Amino acid sequence: MKKAIFPKEQLLFIILSGFFISNALLAEFIGVKVFSLERTFGFDPVSFTFLGEKGLSFDLTAGVLLWPVVFIMTDVINEYYGRRGVRLLSILAVCLILYAFIMVFLTMGLVPASFWEHDPDTGLNMNTAFTKIFGQGQKIIFGSLTAFLVGQLIDAYVFHQIRLKTGQRYKWLRATGSTLVSQFIDTFVVLLIAFYWGSHYPLTWVLAVGTVSYTYKFCMALLMTPVLYLIHHFIRQFLGPEQTKHLLQRAMNQEN
């Protein structure tokens, strides 16, 4: 019988880390696309007024599809590896996202091949399209990364505070509660940095758009709660009851 390369608890951490960082990185890059939630499901866009801002609808960045997954993964990692595990992966994710953005900006400076500038099939200037899609403003990048890191640290803190009071009970409460708080901070921090302080949009617009975005995230956090229990089930099956209990207890002890 072959000996495993990694102990199960290390292998689990590697798998969770890879999934966490991949989703965080993808969310940053696909976030450049704005989509209509209503039209995606075949409905006419709503139009309502909030804080004096008219014509609001659920036009969202595509990154919102993955951020709920990232925050769920944060809670799973916190459950088994504690706040130190979350801090480590959050800082690592920010560094890797920055590295990815630097590499993308360097590639934008490369001189394109002639056929890349004038695509024979579509007639599009692919180099212009590439630059337009990936050339996000520096303020948006800074705001997004700042919001992500602050949101992650707050998520870990709130999760820890709830677990101190509930022990191993009420997984849904500490996971959903910490996600709702951190998503609120994440949503408004990025908008305040990128659009209010960075681009001087009206504060009412920032608050109105942020409220629309957070409403979607709030609903998604609630809908993702059953997924959280499913993930915990698979982890228990993978680790076994004794090792699962050991990891949970160690995560609690390192924070007391």
C-alpha atoms as a PDB file:
ATOM      1  CA  MET A   1       0.000   0.000   0.000  1.00  0.00           C
ATOM      2  CA  LYS A   2       1.445   3.340  -1.065  1.00  0.00           C
ATOM      3  CA  LYS A   3       1.995   5.962   1.596  1.00  0.00           C
ATOM      4  CA  ALA A   4       0.177   9.245   0.993  1.00  0.00           C
ATOM      5  CA  ILE A   5       2.376  12.182  -0.035  1.00  0.00           C
ATOM      6  CA  PHE A   6       0.579  14.488   2.391  1.00  0.00           C
ATOM      7  CA  PRO A   7      -1.359  13.802   5.579  1.00  0.00           C
ATOM      8  CA  LYS A   8      -5.085  14.251   5.020  1.00  0.00           C
ATOM      9  CA  GLU A   9      -5.317  17.501   6.983  1.00  0.00           C
ATOM     10  CA  GLN A  10      -2.506  19.032   4.874  1.00  0.00           C
ATOM     11  CA  LEU A  11      -4.045  17.769   1.651  1.00  0.00           C
ATOM     12  CA  LEU A  12      -7.386  19.262   2.642  1.00  0.00           C
ATOM     13  CA  PHE A  13      -5.727  22.626   3.322  1.00  0.00           C
ATOM     14  CA  ILE A  14      -4.028  22.533  -0.102  1.00  0.00           C
ATOM     15  CA  ILE A  15      -7.325  21.730  -1.850  1.00  0.00           C
ATOM     16  CA  LEU A  16      -9.236  24.451   0.013  1.00  0.00           C
ATOM     17  CA  SER A  17      -6.405  26.937  -0.596  1.00  0.00           C
ATOM     18  CA  GLY A  18      -6.307  26.224  -4.319  1.00  0.00           C
ATOM     19  CA  PHE A  19     -10.058  26.588  -4.660  1.00  0.00           C
ATOM     20  CA  PHE A  20     -10.090  29.757  -2.530  1.00  0.00           C
ATOM     21  CA  ILE A  21      -7.294  31.519  -4.440  1.00  0.00           C
ATOM     22  CA  SER A  22      -8.549  30.402  -7.875  1.00  0.00           C
ATOM     23  CA  ASN A  23     -12.009  31.813  -7.191  1.00  0.00           C
ATOM     24  CA  ALA A  24     -10.622  35.071  -5.789  1.00  0.00           C
ATOM     25  CA  LEU A  25      -8.367  35.530  -8.826  1.00  0.00           C
ATOM     26  CA  LEU A  26     -11.131  34.663 -11.306  1.00  0.00           C
ATOM     27  CA  ALA A  27     -13.577  37.005  -9.571  1.00  0.00           C
ATOM     28  CA  GLU A  28     -11.176  39.915 -10.049  1.00  0.00           C
ATOM     29  CA  PHE A  29     -10.762  39.293 -13.766  1.00  0.00           C
ATOM     30  CA  ILE A  30     -14.339  38.435 -14.746  1.00  0.00           C
ATOM     31  CA  GLY A  31     -15.563  41.364 -12.644  1.00  0.00           C
ATOM     32  CA  VAL A  32     -14.869  43.663 -15.606  1.00  0.00           C
ATOM     33  CA  LYS A  33     -18.074  42.360 -17.237  1.00  0.00           C
ATOM     34  CA  VAL A  34     -21.365  43.926 -16.151  1.00  0.00           C
ATOM     35  CA  PHE A  35     -24.476  41.810 -16.681  1.00  0.00           C
ATOM     36  CA  SER A  36     -28.203  42.216 -16.206  1.00  0.00           C
ATOM     37  CA  LEU A  37     -29.492  39.797 -13.579  1.00  0.00           C
ATOM     38  CA  GLU A  38     -33.090  40.219 -14.687  1.00  0.00           C
ATOM     39  CA  ARG A  39     -32.429  39.694 -18.412  1.00  0.00           C
ATOM     40  CA  THR A  40     -30.225  36.674 -17.628  1.00  0.00           C
ATOM     41  CA  PHE A  41     -33.321  34.985 -16.188  1.00  0.00           C
ATOM     42  CA  GLY A  42     -35.584  36.207 -19.007  1.00  0.00           C
ATOM     43  CA  PHE A  43     -37.251  39.121 -17.194  1.00  0.00           C
ATOM     44  CA  ASP A  44     -37.458  42.782 -18.095  1.00  0.00           C
ATOM     45  CA  PRO A  45     -35.070  44.880 -15.992  1.00  0.00           C
ATOM     46  CA  VAL A  46     -36.669  46.563 -13.001  1.00  0.00           C
ATOM     47  CA  SER A  47     -36.380  50.315 -12.663  1.00  0.00           C
ATOM     48  CA  PHE A  48     -36.638  51.912  -9.247  1.00  0.00           C
ATOM     49  CA  THR A  49     -35.476  54.969  -7.352  1.00  0.00           C
ATOM     50  CA  PHE A  50     -33.412  54.820  -4.174  1.00  0.00           C
ATOM     51  CA  LEU A  51     -31.764  57.726  -2.331  1.00  0.00           C
ATOM     52  CA  GLY A  52     -32.811  59.973  -5.208  1.00  0.00           C
ATOM     53  CA  GLU A  53     -31.002  57.858  -7.830  1.00  0.00           C
ATOM     54  CA  LYS A  54     -33.425  56.927 -10.611  1.00  0.00           C
ATOM     55  CA  GLY A  55     -33.398  54.017 -13.046  1.00  0.00           C
ATOM     56  CA  LEU A  56     -31.662  51.542 -10.752  1.00  0.00           C
ATOM     57  CA  SER A  57     -31.763  47.861 -11.716  1.00  0.00           C
ATOM     58  CA  PHE A  58     -29.803  44.711 -10.939  1.00  0.00           C
ATOM     59  CA  ASP A  59     -26.879  45.382 -13.261  1.00  0.00           C
ATOM     60  CA  LEU A  60     -24.009  43.609 -11.508  1.00  0.00           C
ATOM     61  CA  THR A  61     -20.378  42.789 -12.145  1.00  0.00           C
ATOM     62  CA  ALA A  62     -19.787  39.163 -13.069  1.00  0.00           C
ATOM     63  CA  GLY A  63     -17.495  38.882 -10.042  1.00  0.00           C
ATOM     64  CA  VAL A  64     -20.540  38.595  -7.790  1.00  0.00           C
ATOM     65  CA  LEU A  65     -21.002  35.059  -9.121  1.00  0.00           C
ATOM     66  CA  LEU A  66     -17.817  33.925  -7.380  1.00  0.00           C
ATOM     67  CA  TRP A  67     -17.449  36.164  -4.327  1.00  0.00           C
ATOM     68  CA  PRO A  68     -20.122  34.264  -2.344  1.00  0.00           C
ATOM     69  CA  VAL A  69     -18.097  31.103  -3.016  1.00  0.00           C
ATOM     70  CA  VAL A  70     -14.930  32.835  -1.777  1.00  0.00           C
ATOM     71  CA  PHE A  71     -16.590  33.880   1.462  1.00  0.00           C
ATOM     72  CA  ILE A  72     -18.073  30.418   1.994  1.00  0.00           C
ATOM     73  CA  MET A  73     -14.583  28.972   1.525  1.00  0.00           C
ATOM     74  CA  THR A  74     -13.300  31.512   4.046  1.00  0.00           C
ATOM     75  CA  ASP A  75     -15.721  30.166   6.638  1.00  0.00           C
ATOM     76  CA  VAL A  76     -14.809  26.540   5.901  1.00  0.00           C
ATOM     77  CA  ILE A  77     -11.090  27.303   6.247  1.00  0.00           C
ATOM     78  CA  ASN A  78     -11.782  29.253   9.435  1.00  0.00           C
ATOM     79  CA  GLU A  79     -13.753  26.317  10.818  1.00  0.00           C
ATOM     80  CA  TYR A  80     -10.906  23.825  10.425  1.00  0.00           C
ATOM     81  CA  TYR A  81      -7.741  25.949  10.408  1.00  0.00           C
ATOM     82  CA  GLY A  82      -8.662  29.050  12.392  1.00  0.00           C
ATOM     83  CA  ARG A  83      -8.124  32.745  11.765  1.00  0.00           C
ATOM     84  CA  ARG A  84      -4.419  32.264  11.100  1.00  0.00           C
ATOM     85  CA  GLY A  85      -5.258  30.062   8.141  1.00  0.00           C
ATOM     86  CA  VAL A  86      -7.659  32.685   6.764  1.00  0.00           C
ATOM     87  CA  ARG A  87      -5.130  35.506   7.219  1.00  0.00           C
ATOM     88  CA  LEU A  88      -2.400  33.523   5.478  1.00  0.00           C
ATOM     89  CA  LEU A  89      -4.560  32.684   2.474  1.00  0.00           C
ATOM     90  CA  SER A  90      -6.040  36.197   2.244  1.00  0.00           C
ATOM     91  CA  ILE A  91      -2.604  37.824   2.118  1.00  0.00           C
ATOM     92  CA  LEU A  92      -1.355  35.187  -0.328  1.00  0.00           C
ATOM     93  CA  ALA A  93      -4.404  35.729  -2.552  1.00  0.00           C
ATOM     94  CA  VAL A  94      -3.853  39.510  -2.609  1.00  0.00           C
ATOM     95  CA  CYS A  95      -0.167  39.044  -3.533  1.00  0.00           C
ATOM     96  CA  LEU A  96      -1.025  36.609  -6.339  1.00  0.00           C
ATOM     97  CA  ILE A  97      -3.795  38.864  -7.672  1.00  0.00           C
ATOM     98  CA  LEU A  98      -1.370  41.806  -7.721  1.00  0.00           C
ATOM     99  CA  TYR A  99       1.185  39.636  -9.511  1.00  0.00           C
ATOM    100  CA  ALA A 100      -1.453  38.621 -12.075  1.00  0.00           C
ATOM    101  CA  PHE A 101      -2.448  42.250 -12.702  1.00  0.00           C
ATOM    102  CA  ILE A 102       1.192  43.280 -13.156  1.00  0.00           C
ATOM    103  CA  MET A 103       1.716  40.515 -15.709  1.00  0.00           C
ATOM    104  CA  VAL A 104      -1.446  41.548 -17.573  1.00  0.00           C
ATOM    105  CA  PHE A 105      -0.350  45.193 -17.683  1.00  0.00           C
ATOM    106  CA  LEU A 106       3.050  44.133 -19.018  1.00  0.00           C
ATOM    107  CA  THR A 107       1.415  42.099 -21.784  1.00  0.00           C
ATOM    108  CA  MET A 108      -0.700  45.093 -22.766  1.00  0.00           C
ATOM    109  CA  GLY A 109       2.519  46.930 -23.569  1.00  0.00           C
ATOM    110  CA  LEU A 110       3.678  44.272 -26.044  1.00  0.00           C
ATOM    111  CA  VAL A 111       3.495  45.211 -29.741  1.00  0.00           C
ATOM    112  CA  PRO A 112       0.691  43.124 -31.279  1.00  0.00           C
ATOM    113  CA  ALA A 113       1.069  40.956 -34.362  1.00  0.00           C
ATOM    114  CA  SER A 114      -0.603  42.440 -37.461  1.00  0.00           C
ATOM    115  CA  PHE A 115      -3.333  39.776 -37.656  1.00  0.00           C
ATOM    116  CA  TRP A 116      -4.079  40.374 -33.956  1.00  0.00           C
ATOM    117  CA  GLU A 117      -4.845  44.036 -34.672  1.00  0.00           C
ATOM    118  CA  HIS A 118      -7.219  43.192 -37.513  1.00  0.00           C
ATOM    119  CA  ASP A 119      -8.896  39.850 -36.959  1.00  0.00           C
ATOM    120  CA  PRO A 120      -9.798  38.432 -40.394  1.00  0.00           C
ATOM    121  CA  ASP A 121     -12.928  36.654 -39.111  1.00  0.00           C
ATOM    122  CA  THR A 122     -14.562  39.440 -37.119  1.00  0.00           C
ATOM    123  CA  GLY A 123     -12.784  42.562 -38.323  1.00  0.00           C
ATOM    124  CA  LEU A 124     -12.166  43.525 -34.700  1.00  0.00           C
ATOM    125  CA  ASN A 125      -8.978  45.015 -33.357  1.00  0.00           C
ATOM    126  CA  MET A 126      -8.236  42.247 -30.861  1.00  0.00           C
ATOM    127  CA  ASN A 127      -5.457  44.250 -29.221  1.00  0.00           C
ATOM    128  CA  THR A 128      -7.851  47.105 -28.449  1.00  0.00           C
ATOM    129  CA  ALA A 129     -10.414  44.634 -27.113  1.00  0.00           C
ATOM    130  CA  PHE A 130      -7.781  42.941 -24.932  1.00  0.00           C
ATOM    131  CA  THR A 131      -6.647  46.288 -23.513  1.00  0.00           C
ATOM    132  CA  LYS A 132     -10.216  47.479 -22.982  1.00  0.00           C
ATOM    133  CA  ILE A 133     -11.231  44.339 -21.116  1.00  0.00           C
ATOM    134  CA  PHE A 134      -8.190  43.829 -18.920  1.00  0.00           C
ATOM    135  CA  GLY A 135      -7.044  47.446 -18.526  1.00  0.00           C
ATOM    136  CA  GLN A 136      -9.049  48.203 -15.436  1.00  0.00           C
ATOM    137  CA  GLY A 137      -8.366  51.495 -13.697  1.00  0.00           C
ATOM    138  CA  GLN A 138      -5.797  51.444 -10.910  1.00  0.00           C
ATOM    139  CA  LYS A 139      -8.290  52.931  -8.438  1.00  0.00           C
ATOM    140  CA  ILE A 140     -10.726  50.079  -9.094  1.00  0.00           C
ATOM    141  CA  ILE A 141      -7.975  47.494  -8.606  1.00  0.00           C
ATOM    142  CA  PHE A 142      -6.774  49.156  -5.404  1.00  0.00           C
ATOM    143  CA  GLY A 143     -10.327  49.483  -4.122  1.00  0.00           C
ATOM    144  CA  SER A 144     -11.171  45.885  -4.959  1.00  0.00           C
ATOM    145  CA  LEU A 145      -8.084  44.423  -3.291  1.00  0.00           C
ATOM    146  CA  THR A 146      -8.464  46.638  -0.228  1.00  0.00           C
ATOM    147  CA  ALA A 147     -12.124  45.656   0.091  1.00  0.00           C
ATOM    148  CA  PHE A 148     -11.259  41.981  -0.332  1.00  0.00           C
ATOM    149  CA  LEU A 149      -8.563  41.988   2.347  1.00  0.00           C
ATOM    150  CA  VAL A 150     -10.590  44.054   4.833  1.00  0.00           C
ATOM    151  CA  GLY A 151     -13.671  41.906   4.177  1.00  0.00           C
ATOM    152  CA  GLN A 152     -11.722  38.701   4.734  1.00  0.00           C
ATOM    153  CA  LEU A 153     -10.228  39.848   8.029  1.00  0.00           C
ATOM    154  CA  ILE A 154     -13.604  41.059   9.283  1.00  0.00           C
ATOM    155  CA  ASP A 155     -15.214  37.792   8.184  1.00  0.00           C
ATOM    156  CA  ALA A 156     -12.644  35.830  10.204  1.00  0.00           C
ATOM    157  CA  TYR A 157     -13.108  38.084  13.256  1.00  0.00           C
ATOM    158  CA  VAL A 158     -16.927  37.930  13.266  1.00  0.00           C
ATOM    159  CA  PHE A 159     -16.827  34.163  12.661  1.00  0.00           C
ATOM    160  CA  HIS A 160     -14.491  33.788  15.644  1.00  0.00           C
ATOM    161  CA  GLN A 161     -16.668  35.919  17.937  1.00  0.00           C
ATOM    162  CA  ILE A 162     -19.801  33.936  17.099  1.00  0.00           C
ATOM    163  CA  ARG A 163     -17.976  30.615  17.564  1.00  0.00           C
ATOM    164  CA  LEU A 164     -16.779  31.705  21.011  1.00  0.00           C
ATOM    165  CA  LYS A 165     -20.425  32.027  22.040  1.00  0.00           C
ATOM    166  CA  THR A 166     -21.862  29.002  20.205  1.00  0.00           C
ATOM    167  CA  GLY A 167     -19.013  26.474  20.264  1.00  0.00           C
ATOM    168  CA  GLN A 168     -19.434  23.860  17.551  1.00  0.00           C
ATOM    169  CA  ARG A 169     -23.188  24.463  17.312  1.00  0.00           C
ATOM    170  CA  TYR A 170     -24.978  26.648  14.755  1.00  0.00           C
ATOM    171  CA  LYS A 171     -22.540  26.451  11.854  1.00  0.00           C
ATOM    172  CA  TRP A 172     -25.083  28.316   9.728  1.00  0.00           C
ATOM    173  CA  LEU A 173     -25.153  31.245  12.162  1.00  0.00           C
ATOM    174  CA  ARG A 174     -21.422  31.925  12.300  1.00  0.00           C
ATOM    175  CA  ALA A 175     -20.910  31.235   8.579  1.00  0.00           C
ATOM    176  CA  THR A 176     -23.874  33.220   7.279  1.00  0.00           C
ATOM    177  CA  GLY A 177     -23.572  35.943   9.916  1.00  0.00           C
ATOM    178  CA  SER A 178     -19.873  36.579   9.249  1.00  0.00           C
ATOM    179  CA  THR A 179     -20.459  36.502   5.482  1.00  0.00           C
ATOM    180  CA  LEU A 180     -23.290  39.031   5.639  1.00  0.00           C
ATOM    181  CA  VAL A 181     -21.168  41.451   7.687  1.00  0.00           C
ATOM    182  CA  SER A 182     -18.020  41.042   5.571  1.00  0.00           C
ATOM    183  CA  GLN A 183     -19.929  41.274   2.269  1.00  0.00           C
ATOM    184  CA  PHE A 184     -21.459  44.539   3.457  1.00  0.00           C
ATOM    185  CA  ILE A 185     -18.009  45.973   4.203  1.00  0.00           C
ATOM    186  CA  ASP A 186     -16.540  44.576   0.976  1.00  0.00           C
ATOM    187  CA  THR A 187     -19.325  46.028  -1.185  1.00  0.00           C
ATOM    188  CA  PHE A 188     -19.144  49.579   0.103  1.00  0.00           C
ATOM    189  CA  VAL A 189     -15.371  49.839   0.573  1.00  0.00           C
ATOM    190  CA  VAL A 190     -14.649  49.091  -3.089  1.00  0.00           C
ATOM    191  CA  LEU A 191     -17.292  51.555  -4.295  1.00  0.00           C
ATOM    192  CA  LEU A 192     -16.159  54.305  -1.927  1.00  0.00           C
ATOM    193  CA  ILE A 193     -12.497  53.970  -2.943  1.00  0.00           C
ATOM    194  CA  ALA A 194     -12.986  53.459  -6.689  1.00  0.00           C
ATOM    195  CA  PHE A 195     -15.933  55.734  -7.414  1.00  0.00           C
ATOM    196  CA  TYR A 196     -16.453  58.225  -4.559  1.00  0.00           C
ATOM    197  CA  TRP A 197     -12.880  59.102  -3.588  1.00  0.00           C
ATOM    198  CA  GLY A 198     -11.272  57.974  -6.850  1.00  0.00           C
ATOM    199  CA  SER A 199     -13.713  59.256  -9.473  1.00  0.00           C
ATOM    200  CA  HIS A 200     -15.875  61.716  -7.471  1.00  0.00           C
ATOM    201  CA  TYR A 201     -19.221  60.043  -8.101  1.00  0.00           C
ATOM    202  CA  PRO A 202     -22.023  61.371  -5.861  1.00  0.00           C
ATOM    203  CA  LEU A 203     -22.207  59.650  -2.485  1.00  0.00           C
ATOM    204  CA  THR A 204     -25.912  58.955  -3.025  1.00  0.00           C
ATOM    205  CA  TRP A 205     -25.050  57.048  -6.235  1.00  0.00           C
ATOM    206  CA  VAL A 206     -22.405  54.993  -4.420  1.00  0.00           C
ATOM    207  CA  LEU A 207     -24.807  54.157  -1.579  1.00  0.00           C
ATOM    208  CA  ALA A 208     -27.650  53.322  -3.961  1.00  0.00           C
ATOM    209  CA  VAL A 209     -25.564  51.076  -6.231  1.00  0.00           C
ATOM    210  CA  GLY A 210     -23.932  49.472  -3.194  1.00  0.00           C
ATOM    211  CA  THR A 211     -27.328  48.688  -1.690  1.00  0.00           C
ATOM    212  CA  VAL A 212     -28.480  47.009  -4.903  1.00  0.00           C
ATOM    213  CA  SER A 213     -25.295  44.929  -5.056  1.00  0.00           C
ATOM    214  CA  TYR A 214     -25.477  44.007  -1.375  1.00  0.00           C
ATOM    215  CA  THR A 215     -29.116  42.933  -1.711  1.00  0.00           C
ATOM    216  CA  TYR A 216     -28.010  40.356  -4.273  1.00  0.00           C
ATOM    217  CA  LYS A 217     -25.087  39.218  -2.069  1.00  0.00           C
ATOM    218  CA  PHE A 218     -27.373  39.011   0.977  1.00  0.00           C
ATOM    219  CA  CYS A 219     -29.737  36.684  -0.864  1.00  0.00           C
ATOM    220  CA  MET A 220     -26.871  34.581  -2.215  1.00  0.00           C
ATOM    221  CA  ALA A 221     -25.354  34.208   1.265  1.00  0.00           C
ATOM    222  CA  LEU A 222     -28.624  32.764   2.528  1.00  0.00           C
ATOM    223  CA  LEU A 223     -29.003  30.465  -0.487  1.00  0.00           C
ATOM    224  CA  MET A 224     -25.430  29.182  -0.071  1.00  0.00           C
ATOM    225  CA  THR A 225     -26.061  27.969   3.497  1.00  0.00           C
ATOM    226  CA  PRO A 226     -27.051  24.416   2.437  1.00  0.00           C
ATOM    227  CA  VAL A 227     -23.863  24.268   0.325  1.00  0.00           C
ATOM    228  CA  LEU A 228     -21.862  24.976   3.479  1.00  0.00           C
ATOM    229  CA  TYR A 229     -23.337  21.918   5.222  1.00  0.00           C
ATOM    230  CA  LEU A 230     -22.700  19.803   2.130  1.00  0.00           C
ATOM    231  CA  ILE A 231     -19.015  20.824   2.139  1.00  0.00           C
ATOM    232  CA  HIS A 232     -18.732  19.966   5.844  1.00  0.00           C
ATOM    233  CA  HIS A 233     -20.289  16.573   5.128  1.00  0.00           C
ATOM    234  CA  PHE A 234     -17.702  15.758   2.453  1.00  0.00           C
ATOM    235  CA  ILE A 235     -14.878  16.933   4.721  1.00  0.00           C
ATOM    236  CA  ARG A 236     -16.066  14.659   7.542  1.00  0.00           C
ATOM    237  CA  GLN A 237     -16.234  11.771   5.088  1.00  0.00           C
ATOM    238  CA  PHE A 238     -12.710  12.546   3.879  1.00  0.00           C
ATOM    239  CA  LEU A 239     -11.046  13.062   7.266  1.00  0.00           C
ATOM    240  CA  GLY A 240     -13.057  10.701   9.399  1.00  0.00           C
ATOM    241  CA  PRO A 241     -14.767  11.629  12.690  1.00  0.00           C
ATOM    242  CA  GLU A 242     -11.651  11.581  14.906  1.00  0.00           C
ATOM    243  CA  GLN A 243      -9.474  13.765  12.701  1.00  0.00           C
ATOM    244  CA  THR A 244     -12.384  16.113  11.996  1.00  0.00           C
ATOM    245  CA  LYS A 245     -12.915  16.576  15.745  1.00  0.00           C
ATOM    246  CA  HIS A 246      -9.177  17.155  16.231  1.00  0.00           C
ATOM    247  CA  LEU A 247      -9.025  19.894  13.560  1.00  0.00           C
ATOM    248  CA  LEU A 248     -12.138  21.638  14.860  1.00  0.00           C
ATOM    249  CA  GLN A 249     -10.835  21.637  18.417  1.00  0.00           C
ATOM    250  CA  ARG A 250      -7.379  22.843  17.381  1.00  0.00           C
ATOM    251  CA  ALA A 251      -8.901  25.703  15.372  1.00  0.00           C
ATOM    252  CA  MET A 252     -10.843  26.805  18.456  1.00  0.00           C
ATOM    253  CA  ASN A 253      -7.899  26.414  20.851  1.00  0.00           C
ATOM    254  CA  GLN A 254      -5.524  28.567  18.806  1.00  0.00           C
ATOM    255  CA  GLU A 255      -7.961  31.458  19.109  1.00  0.00           C
ATOM    256  CA  ASN A 256      -8.748  31.222  22.847  1.00  0.00           C
END
